[in-house]
Amino acid sequence: MKKTVIIGATTNPSRTAFIAAGMFSEYKIPFVPVGIKQGEVFGEDILDLRSKPEIGDVHTVTLYIGPKNQPEWYEYILSLKPKRIIFNTGTENPEFIKMVEDKGIEATVSCNLVLLRTGQF
């Protein structure tokens, strides 16, 4: 399975990151929510982004933090050694995309919800 780390996870049901977590759960895709707010989403505790938790066997990192907040986390996100990083709507960042691709990681500008619903995830 494509273990996915959600950067910017939240317990707020009106946020896309929350909706995506629900879809990962529904589609039986293992996910690890990571964010700055504590809580639980679909049976998974949100890990504290500030502690830069070690997470192994990561296939995908999906971003739900805007470009201006990403630089602080570049090194951490790359340290997860994902095979791809999904830049969801509003998270597009040419600087980080170039860094990701220079590391040989697939950078995808897309939407998890669309990818899941169309079988492209």
Protein backbone atom coordinates (compact mmCIF):
# COMPACT_ATOMS: atom_id res chain seq x y z
CA MET A 1 0.00 0.00 0.00
CA LYS A 2 1.03 3.60 -0.55
CA LYS A 3 1.63 4.81 3.00
CA THR A 4 0.90 8.52 2.93
CA VAL A 5 1.99 11.28 5.28
CA ILE A 6 -0.44 14.20 5.48
CA ILE A 7 1.52 17.37 6.27
CA GLY A 8 -0.94 19.93 7.62
CA ALA A 9 -3.39 17.43 9.09
CA THR A 10 -6.28 18.87 11.07
CA THR A 11 -9.36 17.84 13.03
CA ASN A 12 -11.38 20.60 11.34
CA PRO A 13 -13.97 18.78 9.18
CA SER A 14 -14.30 21.76 6.81
CA ARG A 15 -10.62 21.53 5.76
CA THR A 16 -9.50 19.54 2.72
CA ALA A 17 -6.77 17.81 4.74
CA PHE A 18 -9.46 16.34 7.00
CA ILE A 19 -11.59 15.25 4.03
CA ALA A 20 -8.52 13.63 2.44
CA ALA A 21 -7.79 11.71 5.66
CA GLY A 22 -11.35 10.41 5.55
CA MET A 23 -10.91 9.28 1.97
CA PHE A 24 -7.59 7.57 2.75
CA SER A 25 -9.38 5.72 5.54
CA GLU A 26 -12.29 4.82 3.25
CA TYR A 27 -9.96 3.61 0.49
CA LYS A 28 -7.89 1.65 3.04
CA ILE A 29 -4.71 3.62 2.27
CA PRO A 30 -2.50 3.80 5.36
CA PHE A 31 -1.89 7.39 6.39
CA VAL A 32 0.00 9.28 9.05
CA PRO A 33 -1.45 12.69 9.91
CA VAL A 34 1.16 15.29 10.90
CA GLY A 35 0.29 18.82 11.93
CA ILE A 36 0.66 21.53 14.53
CA LYS A 37 -2.70 20.92 16.22
CA GLN A 38 -3.26 17.91 18.44
CA GLY A 39 -6.13 15.53 17.92
CA GLU A 40 -7.23 12.46 16.04
CA VAL A 41 -8.53 11.93 12.53
CA PHE A 42 -10.23 8.73 11.50
CA GLY A 43 -8.57 6.70 14.26
CA GLU A 44 -5.06 8.13 13.76
CA ASP A 45 -3.40 10.53 16.21
CA ILE A 46 -2.03 13.69 14.63
CA LEU A 47 1.74 13.69 15.18
CA ASP A 48 3.34 17.01 16.10
CA LEU A 49 5.05 18.46 13.04
CA ARG A 50 7.31 20.56 15.28
CA SER A 51 8.85 17.38 16.71
CA LYS A 52 9.69 16.20 13.19
CA PRO A 53 8.54 12.63 13.90
CA GLU A 54 10.43 9.77 12.29
CA ILE A 55 8.17 7.88 9.92
CA GLY A 56 9.40 4.91 7.95
CA ASP A 57 8.32 3.31 4.70
CA VAL A 58 6.74 6.47 3.27
CA HIS A 59 5.46 6.28 -0.28
CA THR A 60 3.73 9.65 -0.56
CA VAL A 61 3.81 12.96 1.26
CA THR A 62 0.79 15.13 0.59
CA LEU A 63 1.02 18.81 1.44
CA TYR A 64 -1.68 20.93 3.00
CA ILE A 65 0.53 23.84 4.10
CA GLY A 66 0.98 26.90 1.95
CA PRO A 67 4.21 27.85 0.17
CA LYS A 68 5.14 30.55 2.69
CA ASN A 69 5.08 27.98 5.52
CA GLN A 70 6.92 25.22 3.66
CA PRO A 71 10.60 26.33 3.80
CA GLU A 72 10.83 25.57 7.52
CA TRP A 73 9.90 21.96 6.75
CA TYR A 74 11.80 21.28 3.49
CA GLU A 75 14.57 19.28 5.16
CA TYR A 76 12.17 17.29 7.31
CA ILE A 77 9.85 16.42 4.43
CA LEU A 78 12.77 15.31 2.26
CA SER A 79 14.16 13.26 5.17
CA LEU A 80 11.04 11.08 4.98
CA LYS A 81 12.40 9.80 1.65
CA PRO A 82 9.06 9.62 -0.12
CA LYS A 83 8.71 8.37 -3.66
CA ARG A 84 6.43 11.32 -4.45
CA ILE A 85 5.16 14.56 -2.99
CA ILE A 86 1.71 15.82 -3.90
CA PHE A 87 1.30 19.59 -3.97
CA ASN A 88 -2.43 20.05 -3.42
CA THR A 89 -4.28 23.12 -4.64
CA GLY A 90 -2.83 26.20 -2.94
CA THR A 91 0.44 24.50 -1.95
CA GLU A 92 2.20 24.83 -5.31
CA ASN A 93 5.77 26.01 -4.74
CA PRO A 94 8.21 26.13 -7.70
CA GLU A 95 11.25 26.38 -5.41
CA PHE A 96 10.32 23.26 -3.42
CA ILE A 97 9.16 21.38 -6.52
CA LYS A 98 12.62 21.89 -8.02
CA MET A 99 14.29 20.69 -4.80
CA VAL A 100 12.05 17.61 -4.76
CA GLU A 101 12.75 16.75 -8.40
CA ASP A 102 16.50 17.33 -7.93
CA LYS A 103 16.37 14.59 -5.25
CA GLY A 104 14.76 12.21 -7.75
CA ILE A 105 11.37 12.39 -6.04
CA GLU A 106 8.23 12.70 -8.14
CA ALA A 107 6.52 16.06 -7.63
CA THR A 108 2.85 16.09 -8.52
CA VAL A 109 0.68 19.19 -8.58
CA SER A 110 -2.78 17.77 -8.12
CA CYS A 111 -5.57 17.12 -5.63
CA ASN A 112 -5.75 13.99 -3.51
CA LEU A 113 -9.52 13.98 -3.67
CA VAL A 114 -9.50 13.91 -7.47
CA LEU A 115 -6.67 11.37 -7.62
CA LEU A 116 -8.52 9.04 -5.25
CA ARG A 117 -11.92 9.40 -6.90
CA THR A 118 -10.50 8.76 -10.37
CA GLY A 119 -8.32 5.81 -9.35
CA GLN A 120 -5.08 7.67 -10.11
CA PHE A 121 -3.69 7.80 -6.59
